[in-house]
């Protein structure tokens, strides 16, 4: 069995308690995981007990699942709020992110 190399990385994490205290934690990560993966499509599904976030690279000749993250509904909400907060900070610094809303494709006869 090959031994995996781990890289120790420090992260600052905000604990969302009533005091908004900051706590520093250390995590282990494989060197390969620190590179990250590219995704330009996300498919999100859920059951009563979990949310499944599938990240896909659709530029490949055949779309490739690059990561699957399964979280509890509580953690899904925390991710949503953290992403919302970070998008707001990004837009304050770099300007509004414009997105094109895709309309439903018309099916059948169009006149």
Protein backbone atom coordinates (compact mmCIF):
# COMPACT_ATOMS: atom_id res chain seq x y z
CA UNK A 1 0.00 0.00 0.00
CA UNK A 2 1.34 3.43 -0.94
CA UNK A 3 1.69 5.93 1.85
CA UNK A 4 -0.15 9.18 1.13
CA UNK A 5 1.71 12.43 1.67
CA UNK A 6 -0.16 14.95 3.78
CA UNK A 7 0.54 18.64 4.03
CA UNK A 8 -0.39 20.43 7.27
CA UNK A 9 -2.28 23.63 6.57
CA UNK A 10 -3.56 26.21 9.07
CA UNK A 11 -6.95 27.80 8.53
CA UNK A 12 -8.66 30.60 10.43
CA UNK A 13 -12.28 29.77 11.02
CA UNK A 14 -14.99 32.01 12.43
CA UNK A 15 -17.09 30.21 14.98
CA UNK A 16 -20.64 31.46 14.60
CA UNK A 17 -21.53 31.84 18.25
CA UNK A 18 -23.02 34.82 20.04
CA UNK A 19 -19.52 36.25 20.62
CA UNK A 20 -18.34 35.77 16.98
CA UNK A 21 -15.06 34.40 18.31
CA UNK A 22 -12.31 33.43 15.88
CA UNK A 23 -10.59 30.11 16.38
CA UNK A 24 -7.57 28.78 14.50
CA UNK A 25 -7.58 25.11 13.54
CA UNK A 26 -5.18 22.85 11.66
CA UNK A 27 -6.31 20.43 8.99
CA UNK A 28 -4.53 17.67 7.10
CA UNK A 29 -4.77 17.74 3.33
CA UNK A 30 -3.13 15.68 0.62
CA UNK A 31 -0.87 17.75 -1.64
CA UNK A 32 -3.04 16.72 -4.61
CA UNK A 33 -6.20 18.04 -2.90
CA UNK A 34 -4.61 21.45 -2.30
CA UNK A 35 -4.50 22.00 -6.09
CA UNK A 36 -8.30 22.07 -6.22
CA UNK A 37 -10.51 20.96 -9.09
CA UNK A 38 -12.37 22.92 -11.78
CA UNK A 39 -16.15 22.85 -12.04
CA UNK A 40 -18.45 24.95 -14.20
CA UNK A 41 -21.65 23.14 -13.32
CA UNK A 42 -23.20 22.09 -10.03
CA UNK A 43 -26.11 19.74 -9.55
CA UNK A 44 -27.70 19.93 -6.12
CA UNK A 45 -30.14 17.35 -4.82
CA UNK A 46 -31.47 16.52 -1.38
CA UNK A 47 -33.33 14.10 0.80
CA UNK A 48 -34.84 14.80 4.19
CA UNK A 49 -31.48 14.08 5.87
CA UNK A 50 -28.79 15.31 3.47
CA UNK A 51 -27.84 17.57 0.59
CA UNK A 52 -25.67 16.24 -2.24
CA UNK A 53 -23.59 18.75 -4.20
CA UNK A 54 -22.12 17.34 -7.41
CA UNK A 55 -19.50 19.53 -9.10
CA UNK A 56 -18.96 18.84 -12.79
CA UNK A 57 -16.46 19.90 -15.45
CA UNK A 58 -18.64 20.09 -18.56
CA UNK A 59 -15.79 21.26 -20.85
CA UNK A 60 -14.40 17.76 -21.12
CA UNK A 61 -15.49 15.72 -24.17
CA UNK A 62 -17.75 13.87 -21.74
CA UNK A 63 -18.77 15.81 -18.60
CA UNK A 64 -16.78 14.64 -15.57
CA UNK A 65 -17.84 14.60 -11.93
CA UNK A 66 -14.91 16.38 -10.24
CA UNK A 67 -16.23 16.34 -6.68
CA UNK A 68 -19.24 15.18 -4.67
CA UNK A 69 -19.93 16.72 -1.27
CA UNK A 70 -22.66 15.36 0.98
CA UNK A 71 -23.71 17.51 3.95
CA UNK A 72 -26.50 17.76 6.49
CA UNK A 73 -29.27 20.32 5.89
CA UNK A 74 -27.80 22.45 8.72
CA UNK A 75 -24.37 22.51 7.08
CA UNK A 76 -25.95 23.19 3.67
CA UNK A 77 -27.56 26.30 5.14
CA UNK A 78 -24.24 27.38 6.69
CA UNK A 79 -22.50 26.93 3.33
CA UNK A 80 -25.25 28.99 1.65
CA UNK A 81 -24.88 31.82 4.19
CA UNK A 82 -21.07 31.79 3.99
CA UNK A 83 -21.18 31.84 0.18
CA UNK A 84 -23.73 34.69 0.23
CA UNK A 85 -21.51 36.70 2.60
CA UNK A 86 -18.42 36.11 0.46
CA UNK A 87 -20.20 37.04 -2.78
CA UNK A 88 -21.30 40.31 -1.15
CA UNK A 89 -17.70 41.04 -0.10
CA UNK A 90 -16.45 40.16 -3.59
CA UNK A 91 -19.00 42.49 -5.23
CA UNK A 92 -18.10 45.33 -2.88
CA UNK A 93 -14.47 44.98 -3.91
CA UNK A 94 -14.71 44.06 -7.62
CA UNK A 95 -18.22 45.07 -8.72
CA UNK A 96 -21.47 43.25 -9.31
CA UNK A 97 -21.32 39.75 -10.77
CA UNK A 98 -23.63 39.66 -13.78
CA UNK A 99 -25.29 36.37 -14.60
CA UNK A 100 -27.41 35.46 -17.58
CA UNK A 101 -30.69 33.87 -16.53
CA UNK A 102 -31.42 30.99 -18.88
CA UNK A 103 -35.02 30.79 -20.05
CA UNK A 104 -36.82 27.49 -20.44
CA UNK A 105 -36.33 26.16 -23.97
CA UNK A 106 -39.41 26.41 -26.16
CA UNK A 107 -40.67 23.01 -27.17
CA UNK A 108 -43.07 22.33 -30.02
CA UNK A 109 -44.27 24.81 -32.60
CA UNK A 110 -43.17 28.40 -32.18
CA UNK A 111 -45.03 30.98 -34.19
